[in-house]
Amino acid sequence: MPTRLPLRWGSALALGLGTTFCHPAARVTPPTPATTLDACALSGTDSTWVPDTLVIGVPGAVDPAHAPIPGSDAERTVFRQLYETLIRIDCTGQARPGLANSWSASESGMRWTFTLRDGATFWDGSTVTAADVIASWQSSVLAEPQGFEAVALGEQVIGVRLREPTTTVPLVFADPGMAVTRSVPDQDWPAGTGTYSAGTSAGRVIVTPLRGGQPVLVLRSSGAGDARDLLDAGVDLLVTDDPAALSYAADRP
């Protein structure tokens, strides 16, 4: 029997094709491809050096019991590294691939198909399947109100039927409440499909990369104290919206 789940919302992608013609006798020098700039990437140096550990100061604590739905900026910072949704929304508001690397819609806009990326795994290395995604949605507190039906069309393909048609990919699939997780016996943290796994040691959250080339993330909380104290303590990155801390940071080297 197919697994069905009550969804809502929806969006589509347009594909343009172009053809270039040139005189058969002409020798054409191929143009140099333009550099594609990521509007959402922070500018930095040209250095490829990556630190082994990055100490991040965050406001408040991070509770794994809340995963994958963040309740604070601190949890938002951590959960984003651990748990993936089918799609993600970039800083310009555009839908980008997440756990799904492609999607398509029926002509009516009522039915959508998502294809999971090749090689997607949970932290333990087990393959993520369409059935795993649907099972995760069923356990989500957001699942029932979504108003959609979902069915596994194959190992990596998920079919979704909306209540209302849409021409744009359903942004609900970027909601943190729809992030894909799996409960792990005797573990505080549910397993995710992101590039990091998480654990707690000596009261601190340690976020460990699952592949090389990325730093270990160590979280330090400001708690009820002053976020400027974390800057004085030498954190590498401070997540804050405190004007006093921002002003203080602007005057530091």
C-alpha atoms as a PDB file:
ATOM      1  CA  MET A   1       0.000   0.000   0.000  1.00  0.00           C
ATOM      2  CA  PRO A   2       1.371   3.483  -0.817  1.00  0.00           C
ATOM      3  CA  THR A   3       2.104   5.761   2.093  1.00  0.00           C
ATOM      4  CA  ARG A   4      -0.139   8.824   2.010  1.00  0.00           C
ATOM      5  CA  LEU A   5       0.212  12.015   3.906  1.00  0.00           C
ATOM      6  CA  PRO A   6      -2.182  14.916   4.260  1.00  0.00           C
ATOM      7  CA  LEU A   7       0.220  18.893   2.185  1.00  0.00           C
ATOM      8  CA  ARG A   8      -0.288  22.465   1.093  1.00  0.00           C
ATOM      9  CA  TRP A   9       1.152  25.144  -1.197  1.00  0.00           C
ATOM     10  CA  GLY A  10       3.294  24.811  -4.295  1.00  0.00           C
ATOM     11  CA  SER A  11       6.012  26.522  -7.633  1.00  0.00           C
ATOM     12  CA  ALA A  12       7.477  25.641 -11.052  1.00  0.00           C
ATOM     13  CA  LEU A  13      10.676  26.154 -12.957  1.00  0.00           C
ATOM     14  CA  ALA A  14      10.821  27.511 -16.502  1.00  0.00           C
ATOM     15  CA  LEU A  15      13.428  26.169 -18.889  1.00  0.00           C
ATOM     16  CA  GLY A  16      14.622  28.232 -21.846  1.00  0.00           C
ATOM     17  CA  LEU A  17      16.364  26.879 -24.918  1.00  0.00           C
ATOM     18  CA  GLY A  18      18.517  28.933 -27.248  1.00  0.00           C
ATOM     19  CA  THR A  19      20.223  28.139 -30.550  1.00  0.00           C
ATOM     20  CA  THR A  20      23.286  29.880 -31.966  1.00  0.00           C
ATOM     21  CA  PHE A  21      24.066  29.802 -35.702  1.00  0.00           C
ATOM     22  CA  CYS A  22      27.332  30.827 -37.357  1.00  0.00           C
ATOM     23  CA  HIS A  23      28.680  30.863 -40.929  1.00  0.00           C
ATOM     24  CA  PRO A  24      30.146  27.417 -41.732  1.00  0.00           C
ATOM     25  CA  ALA A  25      33.360  28.935 -43.084  1.00  0.00           C
ATOM     26  CA  ALA A  26      33.999  31.123 -40.070  1.00  0.00           C
ATOM     27  CA  ARG A  27      36.478  30.159 -37.351  1.00  0.00           C
ATOM     28  CA  VAL A  28      34.870  31.001 -34.086  1.00  0.00           C
ATOM     29  CA  THR A  29      36.788  31.258 -30.847  1.00  0.00           C
ATOM     30  CA  PRO A  30      34.597  29.906 -28.022  1.00  0.00           C
ATOM     31  CA  PRO A  31      33.860  32.654 -25.511  1.00  0.00           C
ATOM     32  CA  THR A  32      35.349  32.413 -22.062  1.00  0.00           C
ATOM     33  CA  PRO A  33      32.573  31.276 -19.692  1.00  0.00           C
ATOM     34  CA  ALA A  34      31.469  34.078 -17.417  1.00  0.00           C
ATOM     35  CA  THR A  35      32.173  33.588 -13.740  1.00  0.00           C
ATOM     36  CA  THR A  36      28.976  32.702 -11.926  1.00  0.00           C
ATOM     37  CA  LEU A  37      28.689  34.660  -8.704  1.00  0.00           C
ATOM     38  CA  ASP A  38      26.645  33.365  -5.823  1.00  0.00           C
ATOM     39  CA  ALA A  39      24.685  36.371  -4.595  1.00  0.00           C
ATOM     40  CA  CYS A  40      24.224  34.677  -1.230  1.00  0.00           C
ATOM     41  CA  ALA A  41      27.874  33.822  -0.580  1.00  0.00           C
ATOM     42  CA  LEU A  42      29.784  36.015   1.844  1.00  0.00           C
ATOM     43  CA  SER A  43      32.777  37.681   0.272  1.00  0.00           C
ATOM     44  CA  GLY A  44      36.142  36.767   1.751  1.00  0.00           C
ATOM     45  CA  THR A  45      39.779  36.237   0.971  1.00  0.00           C
ATOM     46  CA  ASP A  46      41.199  33.980  -1.709  1.00  0.00           C
ATOM     47  CA  SER A  47      42.706  31.714   0.925  1.00  0.00           C
ATOM     48  CA  THR A  48      41.704  28.054   0.819  1.00  0.00           C
ATOM     49  CA  TRP A  49      42.813  27.476   4.401  1.00  0.00           C
ATOM     50  CA  VAL A  50      40.082  26.046   6.604  1.00  0.00           C
ATOM     51  CA  PRO A  51      40.507  25.960  10.390  1.00  0.00           C
ATOM     52  CA  ASP A  52      40.243  22.625  12.178  1.00  0.00           C
ATOM     53  CA  THR A  53      37.798  24.101  14.693  1.00  0.00           C
ATOM     54  CA  LEU A  54      35.434  27.067  14.529  1.00  0.00           C
ATOM     55  CA  VAL A  55      34.126  28.405  17.848  1.00  0.00           C
ATOM     56  CA  ILE A  56      30.701  29.985  17.428  1.00  0.00           C
ATOM     57  CA  GLY A  57      29.071  32.188  20.029  1.00  0.00           C
ATOM     58  CA  VAL A  58      25.284  31.884  20.054  1.00  0.00           C
ATOM     59  CA  PRO A  59      22.497  33.499  22.078  1.00  0.00           C
ATOM     60  CA  GLY A  60      20.923  30.911  24.360  1.00  0.00           C
ATOM     61  CA  ALA A  61      21.074  27.149  24.510  1.00  0.00           C
ATOM     62  CA  VAL A  62      20.526  24.474  21.859  1.00  0.00           C
ATOM     63  CA  ASP A  63      18.113  21.690  22.824  1.00  0.00           C
ATOM     64  CA  PRO A  64      18.217  18.529  20.657  1.00  0.00           C
ATOM     65  CA  ALA A  65      14.653  17.764  21.782  1.00  0.00           C
ATOM     66  CA  HIS A  66      13.519  20.634  19.543  1.00  0.00           C
ATOM     67  CA  ALA A  67      15.193  19.247  16.405  1.00  0.00           C
ATOM     68  CA  PRO A  68      14.621  19.794  13.575  1.00  0.00           C
ATOM     69  CA  ILE A  69      12.360  22.795  14.283  1.00  0.00           C
ATOM     70  CA  PRO A  70      14.434  25.658  15.745  1.00  0.00           C
ATOM     71  CA  GLY A  71      13.016  27.830  18.460  1.00  0.00           C
ATOM     72  CA  SER A  72      15.863  30.348  18.607  1.00  0.00           C
ATOM     73  CA  ASP A  73      18.695  31.831  16.551  1.00  0.00           C
ATOM     74  CA  ALA A  74      21.090  29.449  18.294  1.00  0.00           C
ATOM     75  CA  GLU A  75      19.079  26.395  17.233  1.00  0.00           C
ATOM     76  CA  ARG A  76      18.575  27.816  13.751  1.00  0.00           C
ATOM     77  CA  THR A  77      22.342  28.119  13.359  1.00  0.00           C
ATOM     78  CA  VAL A  78      22.943  24.496  14.403  1.00  0.00           C
ATOM     79  CA  PHE A  79      19.945  22.702  12.906  1.00  0.00           C
ATOM     80  CA  ARG A  80      20.631  24.218   9.481  1.00  0.00           C
ATOM     81  CA  GLN A  81      23.903  22.244   9.359  1.00  0.00           C
ATOM     82  CA  LEU A  82      22.298  18.984  10.438  1.00  0.00           C
ATOM     83  CA  TYR A  83      18.883  18.651   8.827  1.00  0.00           C
ATOM     84  CA  GLU A  84      17.774  19.109   5.233  1.00  0.00           C
ATOM     85  CA  THR A  85      14.458  19.869   3.585  1.00  0.00           C
ATOM     86  CA  LEU A  86      13.635  18.793   0.027  1.00  0.00           C
ATOM     87  CA  ILE A  87      14.308  22.327  -1.181  1.00  0.00           C
ATOM     88  CA  ARG A  88      15.846  25.396   0.402  1.00  0.00           C
ATOM     89  CA  ILE A  89      15.199  29.098  -0.100  1.00  0.00           C
ATOM     90  CA  ASP A  90      18.270  31.248  -0.717  1.00  0.00           C
ATOM     91  CA  CYS A  91      18.789  34.849   0.392  1.00  0.00           C
ATOM     92  CA  THR A  92      17.094  36.158  -2.774  1.00  0.00           C
ATOM     93  CA  GLY A  93      13.953  34.091  -2.157  1.00  0.00           C
ATOM     94  CA  GLN A  94      14.705  31.555  -4.887  1.00  0.00           C
ATOM     95  CA  ALA A  95      14.084  27.829  -4.467  1.00  0.00           C
ATOM     96  CA  ARG A  96      17.270  25.758  -4.608  1.00  0.00           C
ATOM     97  CA  PRO A  97      17.949  22.018  -4.418  1.00  0.00           C
ATOM     98  CA  GLY A  98      18.190  20.539  -0.959  1.00  0.00           C
ATOM     99  CA  LEU A  99      17.700  16.852  -0.280  1.00  0.00           C
ATOM    100  CA  ALA A 100      15.922  16.774  -3.641  1.00  0.00           C
ATOM    101  CA  ASN A 101      18.061  17.707  -6.621  1.00  0.00           C
ATOM    102  CA  SER A 102      15.170  18.102  -9.063  1.00  0.00           C
ATOM    103  CA  TRP A 103      11.403  18.489  -9.219  1.00  0.00           C
ATOM    104  CA  SER A 104       8.650  18.803 -11.801  1.00  0.00           C
ATOM    105  CA  ALA A 105       4.919  19.493 -11.965  1.00  0.00           C
ATOM    106  CA  SER A 106       1.995  18.145 -13.927  1.00  0.00           C
ATOM    107  CA  GLU A 107       0.346  20.446 -16.455  1.00  0.00           C
ATOM    108  CA  SER A 108      -2.437  21.195 -13.983  1.00  0.00           C
ATOM    109  CA  GLY A 109       0.000  22.094 -11.190  1.00  0.00           C
ATOM    110  CA  MET A 110      -1.812  19.710  -8.844  1.00  0.00           C
ATOM    111  CA  ARG A 111       0.821  16.968  -8.835  1.00  0.00           C
ATOM    112  CA  TRP A 112       4.506  17.400  -8.113  1.00  0.00           C
ATOM    113  CA  THR A 113       7.386  14.946  -8.322  1.00  0.00           C
ATOM    114  CA  PHE A 114      10.621  15.275  -6.318  1.00  0.00           C
ATOM    115  CA  THR A 115      13.747  13.233  -7.021  1.00  0.00           C
ATOM    116  CA  LEU A 116      16.234  12.776  -4.181  1.00  0.00           C
ATOM    117  CA  ARG A 117      19.882  13.444  -4.938  1.00  0.00           C
ATOM    118  CA  ASP A 118      22.139  10.493  -5.603  1.00  0.00           C
ATOM    119  CA  GLY A 119      24.170   9.354  -2.617  1.00  0.00           C
ATOM    120  CA  ALA A 120      21.992  10.995   0.033  1.00  0.00           C
ATOM    121  CA  THR A 121      22.561   9.270   3.387  1.00  0.00           C
ATOM    122  CA  PHE A 122      21.766   9.619   7.055  1.00  0.00           C
ATOM    123  CA  TRP A 123      24.604  10.136   9.542  1.00  0.00           C
ATOM    124  CA  ASP A 124      25.112   6.386   9.903  1.00  0.00           C
ATOM    125  CA  GLY A 125      25.701   6.030   6.161  1.00  0.00           C
ATOM    126  CA  SER A 126      22.359   4.387   5.375  1.00  0.00           C
ATOM    127  CA  THR A 127      20.697   5.504   2.138  1.00  0.00           C
ATOM    128  CA  VAL A 128      17.817   7.979   2.357  1.00  0.00           C
ATOM    129  CA  THR A 129      14.774   6.674   0.489  1.00  0.00           C
ATOM    130  CA  ALA A 130      11.462   8.217  -0.506  1.00  0.00           C
ATOM    131  CA  ALA A 131       9.806   6.063   2.177  1.00  0.00           C
ATOM    132  CA  ASP A 132      12.184   7.541   4.798  1.00  0.00           C
ATOM    133  CA  VAL A 133      11.180  11.059   3.768  1.00  0.00           C
ATOM    134  CA  ILE A 134       7.474  10.316   4.025  1.00  0.00           C
ATOM    135  CA  ALA A 135       7.931   8.569   7.388  1.00  0.00           C
ATOM    136  CA  SER A 136       9.760  11.649   8.681  1.00  0.00           C
ATOM    137  CA  TRP A 137       6.947  13.911   7.497  1.00  0.00           C
ATOM    138  CA  GLN A 138       4.381  11.713   9.202  1.00  0.00           C
ATOM    139  CA  SER A 139       6.190  12.160  12.506  1.00  0.00           C
ATOM    140  CA  SER A 140       6.415  15.952  12.103  1.00  0.00           C
ATOM    141  CA  VAL A 141       4.157  18.224  14.116  1.00  0.00           C
ATOM    142  CA  LEU A 142       3.507  20.115  10.860  1.00  0.00           C
ATOM    143  CA  ALA A 143       2.481  17.068   8.867  1.00  0.00           C
ATOM    144  CA  GLU A 144      -1.255  17.014   9.541  1.00  0.00           C
ATOM    145  CA  PRO A 145      -2.000  20.685   8.799  1.00  0.00           C
ATOM    146  CA  GLN A 146      -0.178  20.673   5.457  1.00  0.00           C
ATOM    147  CA  GLY A 147      -3.074  19.313   3.448  1.00  0.00           C
ATOM    148  CA  PHE A 148      -1.230  17.242   0.819  1.00  0.00           C
ATOM    149  CA  GLU A 149      -0.888  13.598  -0.094  1.00  0.00           C
ATOM    150  CA  ALA A 150       2.501  12.020  -0.662  1.00  0.00           C
ATOM    151  CA  VAL A 151       3.447   8.631  -2.034  1.00  0.00           C
ATOM    152  CA  ALA A 152       6.749   6.894  -2.779  1.00  0.00           C
ATOM    153  CA  LEU A 153       6.971   6.358  -6.548  1.00  0.00           C
ATOM    154  CA  GLY A 154      10.321   4.615  -6.275  1.00  0.00           C
ATOM    155  CA  GLU A 155      13.408   4.436  -4.069  1.00  0.00           C
ATOM    156  CA  GLN A 156      14.308   8.066  -4.784  1.00  0.00           C
ATOM    157  CA  VAL A 157      11.094   9.576  -6.168  1.00  0.00           C
ATOM    158  CA  ILE A 158       8.273  11.173  -4.177  1.00  0.00           C
ATOM    159  CA  GLY A 159       4.909  12.060  -5.691  1.00  0.00           C
ATOM    160  CA  VAL A 160       2.830  14.804  -4.081  1.00  0.00           C
ATOM    161  CA  ARG A 161      -0.788  15.778  -4.766  1.00  0.00           C
ATOM    162  CA  LEU A 162      -1.811  19.269  -3.676  1.00  0.00           C
ATOM    163  CA  ARG A 163      -5.236  20.480  -2.653  1.00  0.00           C
ATOM    164  CA  GLU A 164      -4.797  23.593  -4.768  1.00  0.00           C
ATOM    165  CA  PRO A 165      -2.802  23.867  -8.018  1.00  0.00           C
ATOM    166  CA  THR A 166       0.309  26.015  -8.175  1.00  0.00           C
ATOM    167  CA  THR A 167       2.821  27.013 -10.809  1.00  0.00           C
ATOM    168  CA  THR A 168       5.688  27.418  -8.358  1.00  0.00           C
ATOM    169  CA  VAL A 169       7.441  24.768  -6.298  1.00  0.00           C
ATOM    170  CA  PRO A 170       5.622  24.400  -2.938  1.00  0.00           C
ATOM    171  CA  LEU A 171       7.664  26.441  -0.469  1.00  0.00           C
ATOM    172  CA  VAL A 172       6.286  24.401   2.405  1.00  0.00           C
ATOM    173  CA  PHE A 173       8.957  21.838   1.488  1.00  0.00           C
ATOM    174  CA  ALA A 174      11.576  24.328   2.651  1.00  0.00           C
ATOM    175  CA  ASP A 175       9.936  24.715   6.071  1.00  0.00           C
ATOM    176  CA  PRO A 176      12.211  23.433   8.890  1.00  0.00           C
ATOM    177  CA  GLY A 177       9.286  21.380  10.143  1.00  0.00           C
ATOM    178  CA  MET A 178       9.535  19.317   6.962  1.00  0.00           C
ATOM    179  CA  ALA A 179      13.231  18.545   7.444  1.00  0.00           C
ATOM    180  CA  VAL A 180      14.033  14.849   7.149  1.00  0.00           C
ATOM    181  CA  THR A 181      15.153  13.085  10.332  1.00  0.00           C
ATOM    182  CA  ARG A 182      15.336   9.599  11.782  1.00  0.00           C
ATOM    183  CA  SER A 183      15.138   8.712  15.478  1.00  0.00           C
ATOM    184  CA  VAL A 184      18.174   6.907  16.843  1.00  0.00           C
ATOM    185  CA  PRO A 185      17.768   4.647  19.914  1.00  0.00           C
ATOM    186  CA  ASP A 186      19.580   5.920  23.024  1.00  0.00           C
ATOM    187  CA  GLN A 187      20.607   9.122  21.218  1.00  0.00           C
ATOM    188  CA  ASP A 188      19.454  12.635  22.112  1.00  0.00           C
ATOM    189  CA  TRP A 189      19.918  13.898  18.574  1.00  0.00           C
ATOM    190  CA  PRO A 190      17.771  12.591  15.696  1.00  0.00           C
ATOM    191  CA  ALA A 191      19.894  11.663  12.690  1.00  0.00           C
ATOM    192  CA  GLY A 192      19.819  13.988   9.704  1.00  0.00           C
ATOM    193  CA  THR A 193      21.070  14.067   6.136  1.00  0.00           C
ATOM    194  CA  GLY A 194      23.171  17.242   6.328  1.00  0.00           C
ATOM    195  CA  THR A 195      26.922  17.653   6.149  1.00  0.00           C
ATOM    196  CA  TYR A 196      27.365  17.534   9.937  1.00  0.00           C
ATOM    197  CA  SER A 197      26.356  15.351  12.863  1.00  0.00           C
ATOM    198  CA  ALA A 198      25.899  16.631  16.412  1.00  0.00           C
ATOM    199  CA  GLY A 199      26.580  15.562  19.965  1.00  0.00           C
ATOM    200  CA  THR A 200      26.836  17.093  23.412  1.00  0.00           C
ATOM    201  CA  SER A 201      30.037  16.996  25.438  1.00  0.00           C
ATOM    202  CA  ALA A 202      30.645  18.653  28.810  1.00  0.00           C
ATOM    203  CA  GLY A 203      27.521  20.715  28.310  1.00  0.00           C
ATOM    204  CA  ARG A 204      28.654  22.024  24.936  1.00  0.00           C
ATOM    205  CA  VAL A 205      27.218  21.174  21.555  1.00  0.00           C
ATOM    206  CA  ILE A 206      29.862  19.767  19.203  1.00  0.00           C
ATOM    207  CA  VAL A 207      28.978  19.694  15.502  1.00  0.00           C
ATOM    208  CA  THR A 208      31.257  17.330  13.586  1.00  0.00           C
ATOM    209  CA  PRO A 209      31.717  17.284   9.787  1.00  0.00           C
ATOM    210  CA  LEU A 210      30.926  14.060   7.980  1.00  0.00           C
ATOM    211  CA  ARG A 211      33.511  14.712   5.283  1.00  0.00           C
ATOM    212  CA  GLY A 212      36.861  16.409   5.024  1.00  0.00           C
ATOM    213  CA  GLY A 213      37.463  20.062   4.301  1.00  0.00           C
ATOM    214  CA  GLN A 214      35.097  21.419   6.945  1.00  0.00           C
ATOM    215  CA  PRO A 215      35.847  22.532  10.501  1.00  0.00           C
ATOM    216  CA  VAL A 216      34.444  21.083  13.705  1.00  0.00           C
ATOM    217  CA  LEU A 217      31.925  23.572  15.124  1.00  0.00           C
ATOM    218  CA  VAL A 218      32.030  24.202  18.864  1.00  0.00           C
ATOM    219  CA  LEU A 219      29.173  26.249  20.300  1.00  0.00           C
ATOM    220  CA  ARG A 220      29.545  28.623  23.211  1.00  0.00           C
ATOM    221  CA  SER A 221      26.382  30.178  24.595  1.00  0.00           C
ATOM    222  CA  SER A 222      26.124  33.674  25.995  1.00  0.00           C
ATOM    223  CA  GLY A 223      23.228  32.467  28.135  1.00  0.00           C
ATOM    224  CA  ALA A 224      21.709  35.404  29.964  1.00  0.00           C
ATOM    225  CA  GLY A 225      25.047  37.243  29.870  1.00  0.00           C
ATOM    226  CA  ASP A 226      26.429  39.924  27.576  1.00  0.00           C
ATOM    227  CA  ALA A 227      27.234  38.761  24.050  1.00  0.00           C
ATOM    228  CA  ARG A 228      30.280  41.075  24.081  1.00  0.00           C
ATOM    229  CA  ASP A 229      31.883  38.762  26.627  1.00  0.00           C
ATOM    230  CA  LEU A 230      32.045  36.058  23.949  1.00  0.00           C
ATOM    231  CA  LEU A 231      33.946  38.415  21.663  1.00  0.00           C
ATOM    232  CA  ASP A 232      36.401  39.080  24.471  1.00  0.00           C
ATOM    233  CA  ALA A 233      36.712  35.307  24.957  1.00  0.00           C
ATOM    234  CA  GLY A 234      37.879  34.980  21.348  1.00  0.00           C
ATOM    235  CA  VAL A 235      35.012  33.245  19.553  1.00  0.00           C
ATOM    236  CA  ASP A 236      35.548  33.020  15.798  1.00  0.00           C
ATOM    237  CA  LEU A 237      31.966  33.870  14.919  1.00  0.00           C
ATOM    238  CA  LEU A 238      29.210  35.518  16.937  1.00  0.00           C
ATOM    239  CA  VAL A 239      25.541  35.131  16.052  1.00  0.00           C
ATOM    240  CA  THR A 240      23.698  38.127  17.493  1.00  0.00           C
ATOM    241  CA  ASP A 241      21.235  40.898  16.768  1.00  0.00           C
ATOM    242  CA  ASP A 242      22.245  42.892  19.855  1.00  0.00           C
ATOM    243  CA  PRO A 243      23.093  46.455  18.679  1.00  0.00           C
ATOM    244  CA  ALA A 244      25.599  46.923  21.510  1.00  0.00           C
ATOM    245  CA  ALA A 245      27.460  43.742  20.526  1.00  0.00           C
ATOM    246  CA  LEU A 246      27.441  44.695  16.849  1.00  0.00           C
ATOM    247  CA  SER A 247      28.788  48.132  17.616  1.00  0.00           C
ATOM    248  CA  TYR A 248      31.455  46.635  19.891  1.00  0.00           C
ATOM    249  CA  ALA A 249      32.467  44.133  17.205  1.00  0.00           C
ATOM    250  CA  ALA A 250      32.779  46.888  14.581  1.00  0.00           C
ATOM    251  CA  ASP A 251      35.494  48.570  16.674  1.00  0.00           C
ATOM    252  CA  ARG A 252      37.563  45.424  17.091  1.00  0.00           C
ATOM    253  CA  PRO A 253      40.392  44.411  14.747  1.00  0.00           C
END
